[in-house]
Protein backbone atom coordinates (compact mmCIF):
# COMPACT_ATOMS: atom_id res chain seq x y z
CA MET A 1 -110.09 55.19 64.05
CA THR A 2 -109.85 53.32 60.59
CA MET A 3 -106.45 52.74 58.91
CA ARG A 4 -106.42 51.93 55.36
CA LEU A 5 -103.71 49.61 53.72
CA GLY A 6 -103.06 49.75 50.01
CA SER A 7 -101.57 46.96 48.12
CA ALA A 8 -98.59 49.00 47.23
CA ASN A 9 -97.76 49.82 50.79
CA ALA A 10 -97.88 45.94 51.83
CA TYR A 11 -95.52 45.23 48.63
CA ASP A 12 -93.06 47.86 49.95
CA ASN A 13 -93.07 46.55 53.35
CA SER A 14 -92.66 42.99 52.44
CA LEU A 15 -90.15 43.80 49.82
CA ALA A 16 -87.98 45.86 52.41
CA LYS A 17 -88.13 43.04 54.89
CA LEU A 18 -87.08 40.66 52.13
CA THR A 19 -84.22 42.82 51.15
CA SER A 20 -83.11 43.25 54.78
CA HIS A 21 -82.94 39.48 55.47
CA GLN A 22 -81.03 38.77 52.23
CA ALA A 23 -78.56 41.44 53.02
CA GLY A 24 -78.23 40.07 56.55
CA LEU A 25 -77.70 36.46 55.23
CA SER A 26 -75.15 37.80 52.72
CA GLU A 27 -73.29 39.41 55.43
CA LEU A 28 -73.33 36.38 57.54
CA GLN A 29 -72.53 33.90 54.78
CA GLU A 30 -69.45 36.36 53.97
CA LYS A 31 -68.23 36.18 57.59
CA LEU A 32 -69.00 32.35 58.05
CA THR A 33 -66.71 31.83 54.75
CA ALA A 34 -63.76 34.00 56.25
CA GLY A 35 -64.18 32.74 59.80
CA LYS A 36 -64.34 36.26 61.06
CA ARG A 37 -66.87 38.20 62.93
CA VAL A 38 -65.01 41.46 61.84
CA LEU A 39 -64.25 41.89 58.17
CA ARG A 40 -64.13 45.81 57.98
CA PRO A 41 -63.35 48.24 60.86
CA SER A 42 -67.00 49.40 60.83
CA ASP A 43 -68.03 45.82 61.97
CA ASP A 44 -66.48 46.55 65.33
CA PRO A 45 -63.87 49.43 65.30
CA THR A 46 -62.22 48.24 68.98
CA GLY A 47 -61.91 44.55 67.95
CA ALA A 48 -60.57 45.75 64.26
CA ALA A 49 -57.75 47.86 66.11
CA GLN A 50 -56.94 45.10 68.89
CA ALA A 51 -56.72 42.62 65.87
CA GLU A 52 -54.29 45.06 63.83
CA ARG A 53 -52.05 45.61 66.64
CA ALA A 54 -51.75 41.87 67.46
CA MET A 55 -50.96 41.28 63.76
CA THR A 56 -48.22 44.12 63.77
CA ARG A 57 -46.67 42.31 66.68
CA ILE A 58 -46.82 39.12 65.19
CA SER A 59 -45.17 40.57 61.86
CA ARG A 60 -42.51 41.85 63.70
CA ILE A 61 -41.72 38.55 65.74
CA GLU A 62 -41.72 36.82 62.20
CA VAL A 63 -38.87 39.05 60.99
CA GLU A 64 -36.99 38.74 64.26
CA GLN A 65 -37.08 35.01 63.89
CA ARG A 66 -35.99 35.05 60.43
CA ALA A 67 -32.92 37.16 61.64
CA LEU A 68 -32.60 34.59 64.65
CA ASN A 69 -32.52 31.75 62.05
CA VAL A 70 -29.64 33.17 60.18
CA GLN A 71 -27.80 33.82 63.21
CA LYS A 72 -28.28 30.36 64.63
CA ASN A 73 -27.01 28.91 61.20
CA SER A 74 -24.04 31.09 61.55
CA MET A 75 -23.15 30.35 65.01
CA ALA A 76 -23.77 26.55 64.32
CA MET A 77 -21.25 26.76 61.62
CA ALA A 78 -18.66 28.59 63.80
CA GLU A 79 -19.08 25.88 66.58
CA SER A 80 -18.56 23.05 63.87
CA THR A 81 -15.39 25.00 62.64
CA LEU A 82 -14.17 25.21 65.99
CA GLY A 83 -14.60 21.48 66.58
CA ASN A 84 -12.73 20.85 63.48
CA ALA A 85 -10.04 23.25 64.47
CA THR A 86 -9.89 21.48 67.84
CA GLU A 87 -9.22 18.14 66.03
CA THR A 88 -6.66 19.70 63.87
CA LEU A 89 -4.57 20.94 66.82
CA GLN A 90 -4.96 17.75 68.30
CA ASN A 91 -3.30 16.21 65.26
CA ILE A 92 -0.63 18.84 65.28
CA ARG A 93 0.22 18.12 68.95
CA ASP A 94 0.53 14.22 68.21
CA LEU A 95 3.01 15.19 65.37
CA VAL A 96 5.02 17.22 67.89
CA VAL A 97 4.97 14.38 70.49
CA SER A 98 6.11 12.08 67.79
CA ALA A 99 9.00 14.51 66.55
CA GLY A 100 10.44 14.12 70.11
CA ASN A 101 11.27 10.41 69.40
CA ALA A 102 14.83 10.23 70.05
CA GLY A 103 15.31 7.38 67.43
CA TYR A 104 14.00 9.75 64.52
CA THR A 105 16.47 11.45 62.35
CA SER A 106 16.59 14.94 60.83
CA VAL A 107 14.79 13.47 57.78
CA ASN A 108 12.15 12.21 60.05
CA ARG A 109 11.71 15.34 61.45
CA THR A 110 11.48 17.34 58.11
CA SER A 111 8.73 15.23 57.07
CA ILE A 112 6.81 15.65 60.30
CA ALA A 113 7.27 19.40 59.82
CA GLN A 114 5.60 19.29 56.46
CA GLN A 115 2.92 17.55 57.81
CA ILE A 116 2.54 20.11 60.52
CA SER A 117 2.72 22.92 57.78
CA ALA A 118 -0.21 21.29 55.86
CA LEU A 119 -2.45 21.22 58.89
CA ARG A 120 -1.44 24.77 60.02
CA ASP A 121 -2.76 25.96 56.46
CA GLN A 122 -6.01 23.94 57.06
CA LEU A 123 -6.20 25.60 60.59
CA PHE A 124 -5.90 29.02 59.01
CA GLY A 125 -8.61 28.18 56.40
CA TYR A 126 -10.92 27.67 59.44
CA ALA A 127 -10.18 31.03 60.69
CA ASN A 128 -11.17 32.74 57.49
CA LYS A 129 -14.31 30.49 57.12
CA VAL A 130 -17.49 32.68 56.04
CA ASP A 131 -21.19 31.57 56.51
CA SER A 132 -23.52 30.96 53.73
CA ASN A 133 -24.10 34.83 53.12
CA GLY A 134 -20.29 35.25 52.84
CA VAL A 135 -20.01 36.76 56.36
CA PRO A 136 -16.87 35.81 58.06
CA LEU A 137 -17.49 33.47 61.18
CA PHE A 138 -14.51 34.91 63.26
CA GLY A 139 -14.62 38.61 62.31
CA GLY A 140 -15.73 40.09 65.80
CA LEU A 141 -17.50 43.36 65.54
CA GLY A 142 -16.71 43.74 61.74
CA SER A 143 -14.08 42.96 59.26
CA ALA A 144 -13.44 42.51 55.48
CA SER A 145 -14.08 39.35 53.78
CA SER A 146 -11.11 37.78 55.23
CA PRO A 147 -10.59 39.01 58.82
CA PHE A 148 -6.76 36.98 58.97
CA THR A 149 -3.99 37.79 56.90
CA ASP A 150 -1.04 35.46 56.66
CA ALA A 151 2.33 37.36 55.82
CA ALA A 152 5.95 36.69 56.07
CA ALA A 153 5.89 38.58 59.53
CA GLY A 154 3.18 36.21 60.68
CA VAL A 155 -0.59 36.12 61.04
CA THR A 156 -2.48 39.32 61.74
CA PHE A 157 -6.35 40.13 62.56
CA ASN A 158 -7.80 42.86 60.30
CA GLY A 159 -11.29 42.67 61.95
CA VAL A 160 -12.57 44.53 64.99
CA ALA A 161 -11.95 42.85 67.93
CA GLY A 162 -14.67 42.21 70.57
CA GLN A 163 -17.94 40.01 70.98
CA SER A 164 -21.40 41.27 70.37
CA ALA A 165 -23.68 40.76 73.11
CA SER A 166 -26.97 38.69 72.77
CA SER A 167 -30.12 40.59 73.33
CA THR A 168 -33.81 39.49 74.13
CA VAL A 169 -34.41 38.35 70.51
CA ALA A 170 -31.19 38.06 68.89
CA ILE A 171 -27.49 36.35 69.38
CA PRO A 172 -24.37 37.36 67.77
CA SER A 173 -23.63 35.90 64.06
CA ALA A 174 -19.92 36.24 64.41
CA MET A 175 -17.16 35.47 67.06
CA ASP A 176 -14.37 37.49 68.34
CA GLY A 177 -11.44 35.97 66.04
CA GLN A 178 -8.97 38.10 68.14
CA ALA A 179 -9.80 36.13 71.49
CA VAL A 180 -10.29 32.66 69.66
CA TRP A 181 -7.12 32.48 67.53
CA MET A 182 -4.67 35.38 68.61
CA ASN A 183 -4.91 35.98 72.24
CA VAL A 184 -2.41 32.94 73.50
CA PRO A 185 -0.20 33.56 76.10
CA SER A 186 3.35 32.26 75.67
CA GLY A 187 5.04 29.88 78.04
CA ASN A 188 3.00 28.39 80.69
CA GLY A 189 0.64 31.31 80.53
CA VAL A 190 2.31 33.21 83.48
CA PHE A 191 6.04 33.09 82.56
CA ASP A 192 8.16 31.98 79.57
CA VAL A 193 11.68 30.08 80.07
CA SER A 194 14.00 30.19 76.97
CA LEU A 195 17.71 29.02 76.68
CA GLY A 196 20.44 31.81 76.57
CA GLY A 197 21.55 32.38 72.92
CA GLY A 198 25.19 31.81 73.60
CA ASN A 199 24.74 28.41 75.52
CA THR A 200 27.36 25.62 74.86
CA GLY A 201 25.91 22.97 77.28
CA THR A 202 23.07 20.58 76.74
CA ALA A 203 20.68 21.87 79.30
CA TRP A 204 17.02 22.42 78.48
CA THR A 205 13.89 23.07 80.72
CA ASP A 206 10.16 22.09 81.34
CA ALA A 207 7.37 24.98 80.85
CA GLY A 208 7.79 25.56 84.43
CA GLN A 209 5.05 25.99 86.83
CA VAL A 210 3.58 28.38 89.51
CA VAL A 211 4.08 27.18 93.14
CA ASN A 212 3.07 30.15 95.13
CA PRO A 213 0.94 32.80 93.11
CA SER A 214 1.35 35.31 95.80
CA ALA A 215 5.00 35.42 95.46
CA VAL A 216 5.06 35.79 91.84
CA THR A 217 6.37 39.47 91.05
CA GLY A 218 6.06 39.88 87.31
CA ASP A 219 9.69 40.45 87.12
CA SER A 220 11.97 38.82 84.55
CA TYR A 221 15.17 36.70 85.99
CA THR A 222 18.35 35.43 84.53
CA VAL A 223 19.70 31.88 85.70
CA THR A 224 23.43 31.62 85.23
CA PHE A 225 25.30 28.15 85.66
CA THR A 226 28.87 28.15 86.95
CA VAL A 227 30.78 24.96 86.36
CA ALA A 228 34.11 24.48 88.75
CA ALA A 229 36.09 21.48 89.57
CA GLY A 230 33.36 19.38 88.18
CA VAL A 231 30.43 20.88 90.37
CA THR A 232 27.75 22.91 89.00
CA THR A 233 26.07 25.56 90.76
CA TYR A 234 23.43 28.29 89.87
CA ALA A 235 22.33 31.75 90.76
CA VAL A 236 19.24 33.76 89.96
CA VAL A 237 19.16 37.30 89.66
CA ASN A 238 16.20 39.65 89.48
CA ASN A 239 16.72 41.69 86.61
CA THR A 240 14.50 44.47 87.77
CA THR A 241 16.15 44.63 91.28
CA THR A 242 19.64 43.23 90.03
CA ALA A 243 19.32 41.10 93.46
CA THR A 244 20.20 37.56 93.65
CA VAL A 245 17.13 35.61 94.74
CA ALA A 246 18.42 32.12 94.63
CA THR A 247 21.48 30.20 94.55
CA GLY A 248 22.11 26.49 94.82
CA LEU A 249 23.87 23.44 93.85
CA TYR A 250 22.77 22.11 90.33
CA THR A 251 21.21 18.65 90.19
CA LYS A 252 19.93 17.24 87.03
CA GLY A 253 16.34 16.76 86.56
CA GLN A 254 15.36 18.87 89.69
CA SER A 255 13.46 22.07 90.03
CA ILE A 256 15.08 25.50 90.65
CA GLN A 257 12.51 27.69 92.79
CA PHE A 258 12.43 31.61 92.99
CA GLY A 259 9.87 34.25 93.07
CA GLY A 260 6.86 31.71 93.44
CA MET A 261 8.03 29.87 90.39
CA ALA A 262 9.77 26.56 89.70
CA VAL A 263 11.68 25.62 86.49
CA ARG A 264 13.05 21.69 86.20
CA VAL A 265 16.21 21.89 84.33
CA ASP A 266 17.73 18.71 82.75
CA GLY A 267 21.02 18.00 80.66
CA ASP A 268 24.39 19.55 81.54
CA PRO A 269 24.75 23.17 81.43
CA ALA A 270 28.28 24.41 80.43
CA ASN A 271 30.03 27.24 82.55
CA ALA A 272 28.34 30.70 82.01
CA ASP A 273 25.19 29.07 80.46
CA THR A 274 22.12 30.99 81.13
CA LEU A 275 18.26 30.66 80.92
CA ALA A 276 15.90 33.60 80.63
CA VAL A 277 12.66 33.70 82.80
CA ALA A 278 10.29 36.41 81.59
CA PRO A 279 6.68 37.24 82.18
CA SER A 280 4.32 35.46 79.46
CA THR A 281 3.63 37.64 76.35
CA THR A 282 0.67 37.26 74.15
CA THR A 283 1.26 35.30 70.71
CA ASN A 284 -1.29 33.39 68.58
CA VAL A 285 -1.99 29.76 67.67
CA PHE A 286 -0.32 30.31 64.21
CA LYS A 287 2.90 31.53 65.58
CA VAL A 288 3.11 28.72 68.16
CA ILE A 289 2.59 26.21 65.31
CA ASP A 290 5.32 28.10 63.14
CA LYS A 291 7.75 28.12 66.02
CA ALA A 292 7.15 24.36 66.56
CA ILE A 293 7.88 23.81 62.66
CA ALA A 294 11.19 25.76 62.91
CA GLY A 295 12.26 23.86 65.74
CA ILE A 296 11.35 20.41 64.64
CA ASN A 297 12.37 21.01 60.83
CA ASN A 298 15.80 19.02 60.30
CA ALA A 299 16.47 18.88 63.88
CA ASN A 300 18.84 16.44 65.16
CA ASN A 301 18.52 15.22 68.88
CA SER A 302 19.76 18.21 70.93
CA ASN A 303 18.76 20.30 73.87
CA THR A 304 17.44 22.89 71.67
CA LEU A 305 14.90 20.51 70.05
CA SER A 306 13.88 19.31 73.65
CA GLN A 307 13.31 23.05 74.59
CA ALA A 308 11.17 23.63 71.65
CA PHE A 309 9.30 20.50 71.91
CA THR A 310 8.23 21.39 75.84
CA LYS A 311 7.35 24.83 74.91
CA ALA A 312 5.41 24.00 71.88
CA LEU A 313 3.38 21.49 73.72
CA ALA A 314 2.49 23.85 76.67
CA GLU A 315 1.67 26.73 74.15
CA LEU A 316 -0.55 24.13 72.07
CA ASP A 317 -2.41 23.10 74.83
CA THR A 318 -3.21 26.74 75.81
CA GLY A 319 -4.32 27.69 72.45
CA MET A 320 -6.30 24.52 72.36
CA ASN A 321 -8.26 25.27 75.69
CA ARG A 322 -8.87 28.76 74.23
CA ILE A 323 -10.55 27.19 71.20
CA GLN A 324 -12.54 24.79 73.27
CA SER A 325 -13.54 27.59 75.49
CA ALA A 326 -14.78 29.37 72.44
CA ARG A 327 -16.56 26.40 71.19
CA GLY A 328 -18.34 26.38 74.34
CA LEU A 329 -19.33 29.85 74.21
CA ALA A 330 -20.95 28.97 70.63
CA GLY A 331 -22.88 26.11 72.20
CA ASP A 332 -24.00 28.70 75.06
CA MET A 333 -25.13 31.10 72.36
CA LEU A 334 -26.97 28.37 70.51
CA ASN A 335 -28.76 27.33 73.71
CA ARG A 336 -29.82 31.05 74.23
CA ALA A 337 -31.02 30.86 70.56
CA ASP A 338 -33.26 28.00 71.30
CA SER A 339 -34.60 29.61 74.42
CA ILE A 340 -35.34 33.16 72.58
CA ASP A 341 -36.93 30.78 69.82
CA SER A 342 -39.11 29.30 72.33
CA ASN A 343 -40.09 32.52 74.06
CA GLN A 344 -40.89 34.10 70.61
CA GLN A 345 -43.05 31.22 69.82
CA THR A 346 -45.15 31.60 72.99
CA LYS A 347 -45.44 35.46 72.57
CA SER A 348 -46.61 34.63 68.87
CA ASN A 349 -49.21 32.22 70.10
CA GLN A 350 -50.38 34.71 72.75
CA LEU A 351 -50.81 37.48 70.28
CA GLU A 352 -52.72 34.91 67.87
CA THR A 353 -54.96 34.23 70.59
CA ASP A 354 -55.54 37.92 70.95
CA ARG A 355 -56.20 38.53 67.50
CA SER A 356 -58.52 35.57 67.27
CA ARG A 357 -60.42 36.95 70.19
CA ALA A 358 -60.91 40.33 68.58
CA GLU A 359 -61.96 39.23 65.09
CA ASP A 360 -62.40 35.63 64.83
CA MET A 361 -66.14 34.26 64.72
CA ASP A 362 -67.71 31.58 67.21
CA MET A 363 -68.49 29.33 64.43
CA ILE A 364 -71.21 27.48 66.46
CA LYS A 365 -72.65 30.85 67.13
CA GLY A 366 -72.21 31.92 63.66
CA ILE A 367 -73.91 28.98 61.96
CA SER A 368 -76.84 29.30 64.55
CA ASP A 369 -77.32 33.03 63.46
CA PHE A 370 -77.13 32.11 59.95
CA GLN A 371 -79.76 29.25 60.34
CA ASN A 372 -81.90 32.09 62.21
CA GLN A 373 -81.46 34.51 59.36
CA GLN A 374 -82.10 31.88 56.72
CA THR A 375 -85.41 30.98 58.44
CA GLY A 376 -86.28 34.75 58.51
CA TYR A 377 -85.41 34.93 54.96
CA ASP A 378 -87.57 31.81 53.87
CA ALA A 379 -90.56 33.50 55.91
CA ALA A 380 -89.92 36.81 54.24
CA LEU A 381 -90.05 34.97 50.87
CA LYS A 382 -93.26 33.22 51.59
CA THR A 383 -94.92 36.39 53.10
CA TYR A 384 -94.06 38.35 50.09
CA ALA A 385 -95.53 35.66 47.86
CA GLN A 386 -98.94 35.81 49.74
CA VAL A 387 -98.97 39.66 49.88
CA GLN A 388 -98.55 39.36 45.71
CA ARG A 389 -101.72 37.36 45.39
CA LEU A 390 -103.79 40.18 47.59
CA SER A 391 -105.33 42.06 44.63
CA LEU A 392 -109.16 42.74 43.97
CA PHE A 393 -108.56 41.97 40.36
CA ASN A 394 -108.03 38.32 41.16
CA TYR A 395 -111.50 37.92 42.22
CA LEU A 396 -113.36 39.78 39.55
CA GLY A 397 -114.85 37.51 36.73
């Protein structure tokens, strides 16, 4: 059997191979330039789908990380603000201690009260501080631009009390202002001691302490002093049951114990002078400071000054402890943010590896394929050149 090959057929075959090699070479060059083996879904539908899913997840992580950075900045500012607040409260406490100096006059104490008032205003500014986006740092679950209002009746919290919880990808950007600044227990945190309104003696007390927690009833009590023939005695009555729960001879500087509690009384009570002992109630750090200012301002040495002094110190210490605890919580949340950031970075790296495996080119293999394709293209060019010269007319004279 004999096959005849015409020049036109040879030209067409050579040109087709040349075009095929040129197209393959161009495609490989495009992929090498991009560093990807999948430039369009038709190259590898499965790989393209895997790469798209990985990129979608990476984009979501990037959005979550931007939000986390904003939250971290706000929480870091809150932590720093609470540090400044603690320092301010310590300065106020030092001034209260100095006001108890027996050598000071009412003029000296007025000056101290003015200094405390200035520091109190500074502390109020910390409570209303906002982050770089104008969001209150201590607005709780939501508030207006100023979560705290300072009025004649005292400071009030206008936000929504509560602390947002952290999630696997986020931390709160605000703290519960109610818990930080407003929930300060009065007295020693369990009970509160105050002098009777009609007292004429010089008796005053410390903040008291709990000596037997299981015996504390939560009732209120009245301690009444009786002075007869130069001897002072006391009787403690439970105001709820009207029962007398303790009696005894009063000794200056010693404690009176009842209901699981002990109160050290100093000074000289007059006949019928009283002490009121009631369960602790909730106050706030600003009210504590306001009462301290009222007790110190223009005060001479007296038992009422001593009573205000000891109560202010006890409540300031409680308020400072609460702010320090809040600062610790802010630090914990910042540590949580660092952990989230690390986990998100690990996820992002894993997803980037998945994306790269699905669509990126093995550059060594890609260069090898390109060189092979280029060799084939060069061979096709030479073959086409040889075929072009295969014409009978080239040999006819």
